[in-house]
Amino acid sequence: MKINKETVEKVAHLARLEVSEEEKDMFAHQLSDILDHAEKLNELDTEDIAPTAHALPIKNVFRKDEVRDSLDREAVLANAPEKDEGMFKVPQIVD
């Protein structure tokens, strides 16, 4: 599959990335190579391969859902770097 410069520009715009003209050409070439490589997977014969969601037979291990005593507020806040009025104080991340 061939990726052109316009496709790179569109993806960069959607991702809100600033991409130079040189980078557009480079990414178009690299993405085309990646998609060509992925396209080769269509040539594999998977007729006798059973569908699978995971390569290993892993099962979830659940613990019994039971009510337990929780830590008291002072114990929880004991190692907090900053606290204020009985709550964790963290840096503001949203303006």
PDB file of N, CA and C in Angstrom:
ATOM      1  N   MET A   1       0.849  -1.176   0.000  1.00  0.00           N
ATOM      2  CA  MET A   1       0.000   0.000   0.000  1.00  0.00           C
ATOM      3  C   MET A   1       0.889   1.231   0.000  1.00  0.00           C
ATOM      4  N   LYS A   2       0.566   2.171  -0.835  1.00  0.00           N
ATOM      5  CA  LYS A   2       1.374   3.379  -0.976  1.00  0.00           C
ATOM      6  C   LYS A   2       0.752   4.512  -0.163  1.00  0.00           C
ATOM      7  N   ILE A   3       1.536   5.083   0.730  1.00  0.00           N
ATOM      8  CA  ILE A   3       1.116   6.246   1.513  1.00  0.00           C
ATOM      9  C   ILE A   3       1.736   7.467   0.852  1.00  0.00           C
ATOM     10  N   ASN A   4       0.906   8.459   0.571  1.00  0.00           N
ATOM     11  CA  ASN A   4       1.439   9.669  -0.055  1.00  0.00           C
ATOM     12  C   ASN A   4       1.593  10.786   0.979  1.00  0.00           C
ATOM     13  N   LYS A   5       2.178  11.867   0.528  1.00  0.00           N
ATOM     14  CA  LYS A   5       2.461  12.993   1.405  1.00  0.00           C
ATOM     15  C   LYS A   5       1.176  13.599   1.964  1.00  0.00           C
ATOM     16  N   GLU A   6       0.109  13.591   1.168  1.00  0.00           N
ATOM     17  CA  GLU A   6      -1.166  14.159   1.614  1.00  0.00           C
ATOM     18  C   GLU A   6      -1.741  13.359   2.783  1.00  0.00           C
ATOM     19  N   THR A   7      -1.580  12.043   2.739  1.00  0.00           N
ATOM     20  CA  THR A   7      -2.059  11.202   3.842  1.00  0.00           C
ATOM     21  C   THR A   7      -1.279  11.506   5.114  1.00  0.00           C
ATOM     22  N   VAL A   8       0.028  11.673   4.983  1.00  0.00           N
ATOM     23  CA  VAL A   8       0.855  12.029   6.138  1.00  0.00           C
ATOM     24  C   VAL A   8       0.415  13.374   6.694  1.00  0.00           C
ATOM     25  N   GLU A   9       0.143  14.339   5.818  1.00  0.00           N
ATOM     26  CA  GLU A   9      -0.322  15.654   6.267  1.00  0.00           C
ATOM     27  C   GLU A   9      -1.640  15.539   7.028  1.00  0.00           C
ATOM     28  N   LYS A  10      -2.561  14.719   6.515  1.00  0.00           N
ATOM     29  CA  LYS A  10      -3.864  14.558   7.164  1.00  0.00           C
ATOM     30  C   LYS A  10      -3.707  13.928   8.548  1.00  0.00           C
ATOM     31  N   VAL A  11      -2.898  12.872   8.631  1.00  0.00           N
ATOM     32  CA  VAL A  11      -2.676  12.215   9.919  1.00  0.00           C
ATOM     33  C   VAL A  11      -1.985  13.166  10.892  1.00  0.00           C
ATOM     34  N   ALA A  12      -1.005  13.906  10.417  1.00  0.00           N
ATOM     35  CA  ALA A  12      -0.308  14.870  11.268  1.00  0.00           C
ATOM     36  C   ALA A  12      -1.280  15.934  11.768  1.00  0.00           C
ATOM     37  N   HIS A  13      -2.166  16.389  10.903  1.00  0.00           N
ATOM     38  CA  HIS A  13      -3.163  17.389  11.304  1.00  0.00           C
ATOM     39  C   HIS A  13      -4.090  16.814  12.378  1.00  0.00           C
ATOM     40  N   LEU A  14      -4.577  15.587  12.175  1.00  0.00           N
ATOM     41  CA  LEU A  14      -5.473  14.964  13.148  1.00  0.00           C
ATOM     42  C   LEU A  14      -4.787  14.736  14.491  1.00  0.00           C
ATOM     43  N   ALA A  15      -3.488  14.439  14.443  1.00  0.00           N
ATOM     44  CA  ALA A  15      -2.718  14.209  15.662  1.00  0.00           C
ATOM     45  C   ALA A  15      -2.162  15.510  16.235  1.00  0.00           C
ATOM     46  N   ARG A  16      -2.448  16.601  15.562  1.00  0.00           N
ATOM     47  CA  ARG A  16      -1.970  17.929  15.965  1.00  0.00           C
ATOM     48  C   ARG A  16      -0.448  17.966  16.066  1.00  0.00           C
ATOM     49  N   LEU A  17       0.197  17.391  15.041  1.00  0.00           N
ATOM     50  CA  LEU A  17       1.653  17.375  14.969  1.00  0.00           C
ATOM     51  C   LEU A  17       2.129  18.305  13.873  1.00  0.00           C
ATOM     52  N   GLU A  18       3.205  18.989  14.142  1.00  0.00           N
ATOM     53  CA  GLU A  18       3.826  19.828  13.122  1.00  0.00           C
ATOM     54  C   GLU A  18       4.922  19.004  12.456  1.00  0.00           C
ATOM     55  N   VAL A  19       4.804  18.817  11.150  1.00  0.00           N
ATOM     56  CA  VAL A  19       5.739  17.969  10.412  1.00  0.00           C
ATOM     57  C   VAL A  19       6.329  18.778   9.263  1.00  0.00           C
ATOM     58  N   SER A  20       7.653  18.746   9.141  1.00  0.00           N
ATOM     59  CA  SER A  20       8.317  19.474   8.059  1.00  0.00           C
ATOM     60  C   SER A  20       8.120  18.740   6.735  1.00  0.00           C
ATOM     61  N   GLU A  21       8.414  19.415   5.637  1.00  0.00           N
ATOM     62  CA  GLU A  21       8.295  18.798   4.310  1.00  0.00           C
ATOM     63  C   GLU A  21       9.208  17.578   4.196  1.00  0.00           C
ATOM     64  N   GLU A  22      10.404  17.699   4.742  1.00  0.00           N
ATOM     65  CA  GLU A  22      11.354  16.582   4.708  1.00  0.00           C
ATOM     66  C   GLU A  22      10.801  15.386   5.487  1.00  0.00           C
ATOM     67  N   GLU A  23      10.199  15.661   6.651  1.00  0.00           N
ATOM     68  CA  GLU A  23       9.623  14.586   7.462  1.00  0.00           C
ATOM     69  C   GLU A  23       8.417  13.950   6.771  1.00  0.00           C
ATOM     70  N   LYS A  24       7.628  14.740   6.063  1.00  0.00           N
ATOM     71  CA  LYS A  24       6.467  14.193   5.348  1.00  0.00           C
ATOM     72  C   LYS A  24       6.911  13.151   4.332  1.00  0.00           C
ATOM     73  N   ASP A  25       7.953  13.479   3.581  1.00  0.00           N
ATOM     74  CA  ASP A  25       8.480  12.527   2.597  1.00  0.00           C
ATOM     75  C   ASP A  25       9.032  11.274   3.279  1.00  0.00           C
ATOM     76  N   MET A  26       9.777  11.494   4.360  1.00  0.00           N
ATOM     77  CA  MET A  26      10.378  10.377   5.086  1.00  0.00           C
ATOM     78  C   MET A  26       9.287   9.471   5.673  1.00  0.00           C
ATOM     79  N   PHE A  27       8.273  10.068   6.324  1.00  0.00           N
ATOM     80  CA  PHE A  27       7.207   9.272   6.942  1.00  0.00           C
ATOM     81  C   PHE A  27       6.361   8.560   5.893  1.00  0.00           C
ATOM     82  N   ALA A  28       6.129   9.196   4.768  1.00  0.00           N
ATOM     83  CA  ALA A  28       5.360   8.546   3.700  1.00  0.00           C
ATOM     84  C   ALA A  28       6.082   7.282   3.251  1.00  0.00           C
ATOM     85  N   HIS A  29       7.390   7.386   3.075  1.00  0.00           N
ATOM     86  CA  HIS A  29       8.186   6.225   2.662  1.00  0.00           C
ATOM     87  C   HIS A  29       8.188   5.145   3.748  1.00  0.00           C
ATOM     88  N   GLN A  30       8.431   5.543   4.994  1.00  0.00           N
ATOM     89  CA  GLN A  30       8.493   4.576   6.091  1.00  0.00           C
ATOM     90  C   GLN A  30       7.150   3.882   6.302  1.00  0.00           C
ATOM     91  N   LEU A  31       6.061   4.650   6.296  1.00  0.00           N
ATOM     92  CA  LEU A  31       4.738   4.054   6.501  1.00  0.00           C
ATOM     93  C   LEU A  31       4.367   3.121   5.357  1.00  0.00           C
ATOM     94  N   SER A  32       4.742   3.483   4.143  1.00  0.00           N
ATOM     95  CA  SER A  32       4.489   2.595   3.005  1.00  0.00           C
ATOM     96  C   SER A  32       5.226   1.277   3.178  1.00  0.00           C
ATOM     97  N   ASP A  33       6.478   1.351   3.621  1.00  0.00           N
ATOM     98  CA  ASP A  33       7.261   0.130   3.855  1.00  0.00           C
ATOM     99  C   ASP A  33       6.625  -0.742   4.937  1.00  0.00           C
ATOM    100  N   ILE A  34       6.154  -0.110   6.007  1.00  0.00           N
ATOM    101  CA  ILE A  34       5.522  -0.857   7.102  1.00  0.00           C
ATOM    102  C   ILE A  34       4.258  -1.552   6.611  1.00  0.00           C
ATOM    103  N   LEU A  35       3.425  -0.836   5.873  1.00  0.00           N
ATOM    104  CA  LEU A  35       2.183  -1.427   5.372  1.00  0.00           C
ATOM    105  C   LEU A  35       2.451  -2.519   4.346  1.00  0.00           C
ATOM    106  N   ASP A  36       3.482  -2.345   3.525  1.00  0.00           N
ATOM    107  CA  ASP A  36       3.854  -3.400   2.574  1.00  0.00           C
ATOM    108  C   ASP A  36       4.276  -4.665   3.318  1.00  0.00           C
ATOM    109  N   HIS A  37       5.030  -4.477   4.379  1.00  0.00           N
ATOM    110  CA  HIS A  37       5.462  -5.626   5.175  1.00  0.00           C
ATOM    111  C   HIS A  37       4.254  -6.310   5.822  1.00  0.00           C
ATOM    112  N   ALA A  38       3.325  -5.538   6.363  1.00  0.00           N
ATOM    113  CA  ALA A  38       2.125  -6.108   6.981  1.00  0.00           C
ATOM    114  C   ALA A  38       1.266  -6.816   5.940  1.00  0.00           C
ATOM    115  N   GLU A  39       1.247  -6.313   4.732  1.00  0.00           N
ATOM    116  CA  GLU A  39       0.459  -6.920   3.655  1.00  0.00           C
ATOM    117  C   GLU A  39       0.957  -8.329   3.328  1.00  0.00           C
ATOM    118  N   LYS A  40       2.243  -8.577   3.558  1.00  0.00           N
ATOM    119  CA  LYS A  40       2.801  -9.908   3.302  1.00  0.00           C
ATOM    120  C   LYS A  40       2.159 -10.966   4.195  1.00  0.00           C
ATOM    121  N   LEU A  41       1.595 -10.557   5.329  1.00  0.00           N
ATOM    122  CA  LEU A  41       0.931 -11.512   6.217  1.00  0.00           C
ATOM    123  C   LEU A  41      -0.273 -12.158   5.542  1.00  0.00           C
ATOM    124  N   ASN A  42      -0.874 -11.460   4.571  1.00  0.00           N
ATOM    125  CA  ASN A  42      -2.010 -12.026   3.844  1.00  0.00           C
ATOM    126  C   ASN A  42      -1.609 -13.236   3.006  1.00  0.00           C
ATOM    127  N   GLU A  43      -0.321 -13.383   2.731  1.00  0.00           N
ATOM    128  CA  GLU A  43       0.158 -14.504   1.927  1.00  0.00           C
ATOM    129  C   GLU A  43       0.328 -15.783   2.749  1.00  0.00           C
ATOM    130  N   LEU A  44       0.280 -15.670   4.075  1.00  0.00           N
ATOM    131  CA  LEU A  44       0.468 -16.843   4.927  1.00  0.00           C
ATOM    132  C   LEU A  44      -0.720 -17.784   4.832  1.00  0.00           C
ATOM    133  N   ASP A  45      -0.421 -19.075   4.811  1.00  0.00           N
ATOM    134  CA  ASP A  45      -1.472 -20.088   4.806  1.00  0.00           C
ATOM    135  C   ASP A  45      -1.865 -20.368   6.255  1.00  0.00           C
ATOM    136  N   THR A  46      -3.041 -19.918   6.644  1.00  0.00           N
ATOM    137  CA  THR A  46      -3.521 -20.116   8.012  1.00  0.00           C
ATOM    138  C   THR A  46      -4.697 -21.088   8.062  1.00  0.00           C
ATOM    139  N   GLU A  47      -4.841 -21.878   7.023  1.00  0.00           N
ATOM    140  CA  GLU A  47      -5.979 -22.797   6.907  1.00  0.00           C
ATOM    141  C   GLU A  47      -6.049 -23.780   8.078  1.00  0.00           C
ATOM    142  N   ASP A  48      -4.915 -24.330   8.487  1.00  0.00           N
ATOM    143  CA  ASP A  48      -4.905 -25.340   9.549  1.00  0.00           C
ATOM    144  C   ASP A  48      -4.542 -24.764  10.919  1.00  0.00           C
ATOM    145  N   ILE A  49      -4.611 -23.461  11.051  1.00  0.00           N
ATOM    146  CA  ILE A  49      -4.276 -22.807  12.311  1.00  0.00           C
ATOM    147  C   ILE A  49      -5.570 -22.470  13.045  1.00  0.00           C
ATOM    148  N   ALA A  50      -5.675 -22.940  14.278  1.00  0.00           N
ATOM    149  CA  ALA A  50      -6.884 -22.656  15.068  1.00  0.00           C
ATOM    150  C   ALA A  50      -6.877 -21.201  15.526  1.00  0.00           C
ATOM    151  N   PRO A  51      -8.035 -20.546  15.475  1.00  0.00           N
ATOM    152  CA  PRO A  51      -8.113 -19.166  15.963  1.00  0.00           C
ATOM    153  C   PRO A  51      -7.765 -19.115  17.449  1.00  0.00           C
ATOM    154  N   THR A  52      -7.087 -18.063  17.839  1.00  0.00           N
ATOM    155  CA  THR A  52      -6.715 -17.914  19.242  1.00  0.00           C
ATOM    156  C   THR A  52      -6.686 -16.444  19.613  1.00  0.00           C
ATOM    157  N   ALA A  53      -7.024 -16.173  20.850  1.00  0.00           N
ATOM    158  CA  ALA A  53      -6.954 -14.803  21.347  1.00  0.00           C
ATOM    159  C   ALA A  53      -5.672 -14.587  22.137  1.00  0.00           C
ATOM    160  N   HIS A  54      -5.071 -15.696  22.593  1.00  0.00           N
ATOM    161  CA  HIS A  54      -3.852 -15.595  23.383  1.00  0.00           C
ATOM    162  C   HIS A  54      -3.002 -16.834  23.113  1.00  0.00           C
ATOM    163  N   ALA A  55      -1.728 -16.654  23.020  1.00  0.00           N
ATOM    164  CA  ALA A  55      -0.842 -17.765  22.674  1.00  0.00           C
ATOM    165  C   ALA A  55      -0.689 -18.783  23.803  1.00  0.00           C
ATOM    166  N   LEU A  56      -0.863 -18.347  25.040  1.00  0.00           N
ATOM    167  CA  LEU A  56      -0.704 -19.245  26.182  1.00  0.00           C
ATOM    168  C   LEU A  56      -2.049 -19.485  26.861  1.00  0.00           C
ATOM    169  N   PRO A  57      -2.250 -20.661  27.435  1.00  0.00           N
ATOM    170  CA  PRO A  57      -3.522 -20.943  28.111  1.00  0.00           C
ATOM    171  C   PRO A  57      -3.574 -20.306  29.501  1.00  0.00           C
ATOM    172  N   ILE A  58      -3.781 -19.010  29.542  1.00  0.00           N
ATOM    173  CA  ILE A  58      -3.805 -18.275  30.802  1.00  0.00           C
ATOM    174  C   ILE A  58      -5.253 -18.045  31.213  1.00  0.00           C
ATOM    175  N   LYS A  59      -5.514 -18.221  32.500  1.00  0.00           N
ATOM    176  CA  LYS A  59      -6.852 -17.978  33.035  1.00  0.00           C
ATOM    177  C   LYS A  59      -6.755 -16.913  34.113  1.00  0.00           C
ATOM    178  N   ASN A  60      -7.827 -16.144  34.271  1.00  0.00           N
ATOM    179  CA  ASN A  60      -7.868 -15.153  35.337  1.00  0.00           C
ATOM    180  C   ASN A  60      -7.936 -15.849  36.687  1.00  0.00           C
ATOM    181  N   VAL A  61      -7.224 -15.293  37.640  1.00  0.00           N
ATOM    182  CA  VAL A  61      -7.275 -15.807  39.002  1.00  0.00           C
ATOM    183  C   VAL A  61      -7.989 -14.758  39.833  1.00  0.00           C
ATOM    184  N   PHE A  62      -9.130 -15.134  40.347  1.00  0.00           N
ATOM    185  CA  PHE A  62      -9.923 -14.189  41.124  1.00  0.00           C
ATOM    186  C   PHE A  62      -9.818 -14.519  42.606  1.00  0.00           C
ATOM    187  N   ARG A  63      -9.821 -13.504  43.417  1.00  0.00           N
ATOM    188  CA  ARG A  63      -9.882 -13.732  44.854  1.00  0.00           C
ATOM    189  C   ARG A  63     -11.331 -13.600  45.293  1.00  0.00           C
ATOM    190  N   LYS A  64     -11.636 -14.167  46.427  1.00  0.00           N
ATOM    191  CA  LYS A  64     -12.983 -14.096  46.953  1.00  0.00           C
ATOM    192  C   LYS A  64     -13.299 -12.641  47.293  1.00  0.00           C
ATOM    193  N   ASP A  65     -14.451 -12.181  46.911  1.00  0.00           N
ATOM    194  CA  ASP A  65     -14.864 -10.802  47.166  1.00  0.00           C
ATOM    195  C   ASP A  65     -15.441 -10.726  48.571  1.00  0.00           C
ATOM    196  N   GLU A  66     -14.633 -10.244  49.483  1.00  0.00           N
ATOM    197  CA  GLU A  66     -15.091 -10.167  50.866  1.00  0.00           C
ATOM    198  C   GLU A  66     -14.743  -8.815  51.453  1.00  0.00           C
ATOM    199  N   VAL A  67     -15.556  -8.390  52.384  1.00  0.00           N
ATOM    200  CA  VAL A  67     -15.364  -7.093  53.040  1.00  0.00           C
ATOM    201  C   VAL A  67     -14.217  -7.218  54.027  1.00  0.00           C
ATOM    202  N   ARG A  68     -13.306  -6.262  53.978  1.00  0.00           N
ATOM    203  CA  ARG A  68     -12.176  -6.229  54.903  1.00  0.00           C
ATOM    204  C   ARG A  68     -12.092  -4.844  55.519  1.00  0.00           C
ATOM    205  N   ASP A  69     -11.427  -4.770  56.653  1.00  0.00           N
ATOM    206  CA  ASP A  69     -11.196  -3.469  57.269  1.00  0.00           C
ATOM    207  C   ASP A  69     -10.203  -2.700  56.406  1.00  0.00           C
ATOM    208  N   SER A  70     -10.422  -1.409  56.281  1.00  0.00           N
ATOM    209  CA  SER A  70      -9.497  -0.584  55.509  1.00  0.00           C
ATOM    210  C   SER A  70      -8.592   0.187  56.460  1.00  0.00           C
ATOM    211  N   LEU A  71      -7.574   0.801  55.904  1.00  0.00           N
ATOM    212  CA  LEU A  71      -6.674   1.619  56.714  1.00  0.00           C
ATOM    213  C   LEU A  71      -7.397   2.884  57.147  1.00  0.00           C
ATOM    214  N   ASP A  72      -7.003   3.390  58.315  1.00  0.00           N
ATOM    215  CA  ASP A  72      -7.619   4.655  58.723  1.00  0.00           C
ATOM    216  C   ASP A  72      -6.946   5.803  57.986  1.00  0.00           C
ATOM    217  N   ARG A  73      -7.600   6.934  57.982  1.00  0.00           N
ATOM    218  CA  ARG A  73      -7.146   8.094  57.208  1.00  0.00           C
ATOM    219  C   ARG A  73      -5.720   8.494  57.567  1.00  0.00           C
ATOM    220  N   GLU A  74      -5.386   8.504  58.854  1.00  0.00           N
ATOM    221  CA  GLU A  74      -4.047   8.924  59.276  1.00  0.00           C
ATOM    222  C   GLU A  74      -2.971   7.979  58.736  1.00  0.00           C
ATOM    223  N   ALA A  75      -3.256   6.691  58.739  1.00  0.00           N
ATOM    224  CA  ALA A  75      -2.282   5.721  58.227  1.00  0.00           C
ATOM    225  C   ALA A  75      -2.079   5.894  56.727  1.00  0.00           C
ATOM    226  N   VAL A  76      -3.154   6.181  56.018  1.00  0.00           N
ATOM    227  CA  VAL A  76      -3.054   6.370  54.571  1.00  0.00           C
ATOM    228  C   VAL A  76      -2.254   7.626  54.252  1.00  0.00           C
ATOM    229  N   LEU A  77      -2.493   8.689  54.996  1.00  0.00           N
ATOM    230  CA  LEU A  77      -1.829   9.966  54.717  1.00  0.00           C
ATOM    231  C   LEU A  77      -0.440  10.073  55.343  1.00  0.00           C
ATOM    232  N   ALA A  78      -0.033   9.089  56.129  1.00  0.00           N
ATOM    233  CA  ALA A  78       1.239   9.169  56.850  1.00  0.00           C
ATOM    234  C   ALA A  78       2.433   9.368  55.923  1.00  0.00           C
ATOM    235  N   ASN A  79       2.433   8.751  54.758  1.00  0.00           N
ATOM    236  CA  ASN A  79       3.578   8.853  53.849  1.00  0.00           C
ATOM    237  C   ASN A  79       3.341   9.813  52.692  1.00  0.00           C
ATOM    238  N   ALA A  80       2.254  10.558  52.740  1.00  0.00           N
ATOM    239  CA  ALA A  80       1.967  11.510  51.663  1.00  0.00           C
ATOM    240  C   ALA A  80       2.967  12.655  51.723  1.00  0.00           C
ATOM    241  N   PRO A  81       3.549  13.031  50.579  1.00  0.00           N
ATOM    242  CA  PRO A  81       4.497  14.149  50.594  1.00  0.00           C
ATOM    243  C   PRO A  81       3.824  15.454  51.006  1.00  0.00           C
ATOM    244  N   GLU A  82       2.557  15.628  50.601  1.00  0.00           N
ATOM    245  CA  GLU A  82       1.800  16.815  51.001  1.00  0.00           C
ATOM    246  C   GLU A  82       0.362  16.415  51.259  1.00  0.00           C
ATOM    247  N   LYS A  83      -0.223  17.020  52.284  1.00  0.00           N
ATOM    248  CA  LYS A  83      -1.629  16.781  52.589  1.00  0.00           C
ATOM    249  C   LYS A  83      -2.254  18.082  53.049  1.00  0.00           C
ATOM    250  N   ASP A  84      -3.568  18.179  52.911  1.00  0.00           N
ATOM    251  CA  ASP A  84      -4.283  19.392  53.278  1.00  0.00           C
ATOM    252  C   ASP A  84      -5.690  18.993  53.710  1.00  0.00           C
ATOM    253  N   GLU A  85      -6.032  19.314  54.936  1.00  0.00           N
ATOM    254  CA  GLU A  85      -7.356  19.035  55.489  1.00  0.00           C
ATOM    255  C   GLU A  85      -7.756  17.569  55.324  1.00  0.00           C
ATOM    256  N   GLY A  86      -6.826  16.660  55.613  1.00  0.00           N
ATOM    257  CA  GLY A  86      -7.125  15.239  55.571  1.00  0.00           C
ATOM    258  C   GLY A  86      -7.199  14.639  54.185  1.00  0.00           C
ATOM    259  N   MET A  87      -6.658  15.328  53.174  1.00  0.00           N
ATOM    260  CA  MET A  87      -6.677  14.818  51.799  1.00  0.00           C
ATOM    261  C   MET A  87      -5.282  14.938  51.195  1.00  0.00           C
ATOM    262  N   PHE A  88      -5.012  14.097  50.177  1.00  0.00           N
ATOM    263  CA  PHE A  88      -3.759  14.218  49.442  1.00  0.00           C
ATOM    264  C   PHE A  88      -3.743  15.547  48.717  1.00  0.00           C
ATOM    265  N   LYS A  89      -2.606  16.223  48.736  1.00  0.00           N
ATOM    266  CA  LYS A  89      -2.452  17.459  47.970  1.00  0.00           C
ATOM    267  C   LYS A  89      -1.515  17.147  46.813  1.00  0.00           C
ATOM    268  N   VAL A  90      -2.009  17.368  45.596  1.00  0.00           N
ATOM    269  CA  VAL A  90      -1.233  17.066  44.396  1.00  0.00           C
ATOM    270  C   VAL A  90      -1.136  18.313  43.533  1.00  0.00           C
ATOM    271  N   PRO A  91      -0.139  18.366  42.647  1.00  0.00           N
ATOM    272  CA  PRO A  91      -0.027  19.527  41.762  1.00  0.00           C
ATOM    273  C   PRO A  91      -1.236  19.620  40.830  1.00  0.00           C
ATOM    274  N   GLN A  92      -1.628  20.847  40.531  1.00  0.00           N
ATOM    275  CA  GLN A  92      -2.730  21.065  39.591  1.00  0.00           C
ATOM    276  C   GLN A  92      -2.268  20.671  38.197  1.00  0.00           C
ATOM    277  N   ILE A  93      -3.100  19.892  37.498  1.00  0.00           N
ATOM    278  CA  ILE A  93      -2.728  19.461  36.154  1.00  0.00           C
ATOM    279  C   ILE A  93      -3.653  20.014  35.087  1.00  0.00           C
ATOM    280  N   VAL A  94      -4.780  20.579  35.476  1.00  0.00           N
ATOM    281  CA  VAL A  94      -5.725  21.149  34.522  1.00  0.00           C
ATOM    282  C   VAL A  94      -5.921  22.609  34.878  1.00  0.00           C
ATOM    283  N   ASP A  95      -5.801  23.476  33.886  1.00  0.00           N
ATOM    284  CA  ASP A  95      -6.010  24.910  34.138  1.00  0.00           C
ATOM    285  C   ASP A  95      -7.477  25.233  34.223  1.00  0.00           C
TER     286      ASP A  95
END
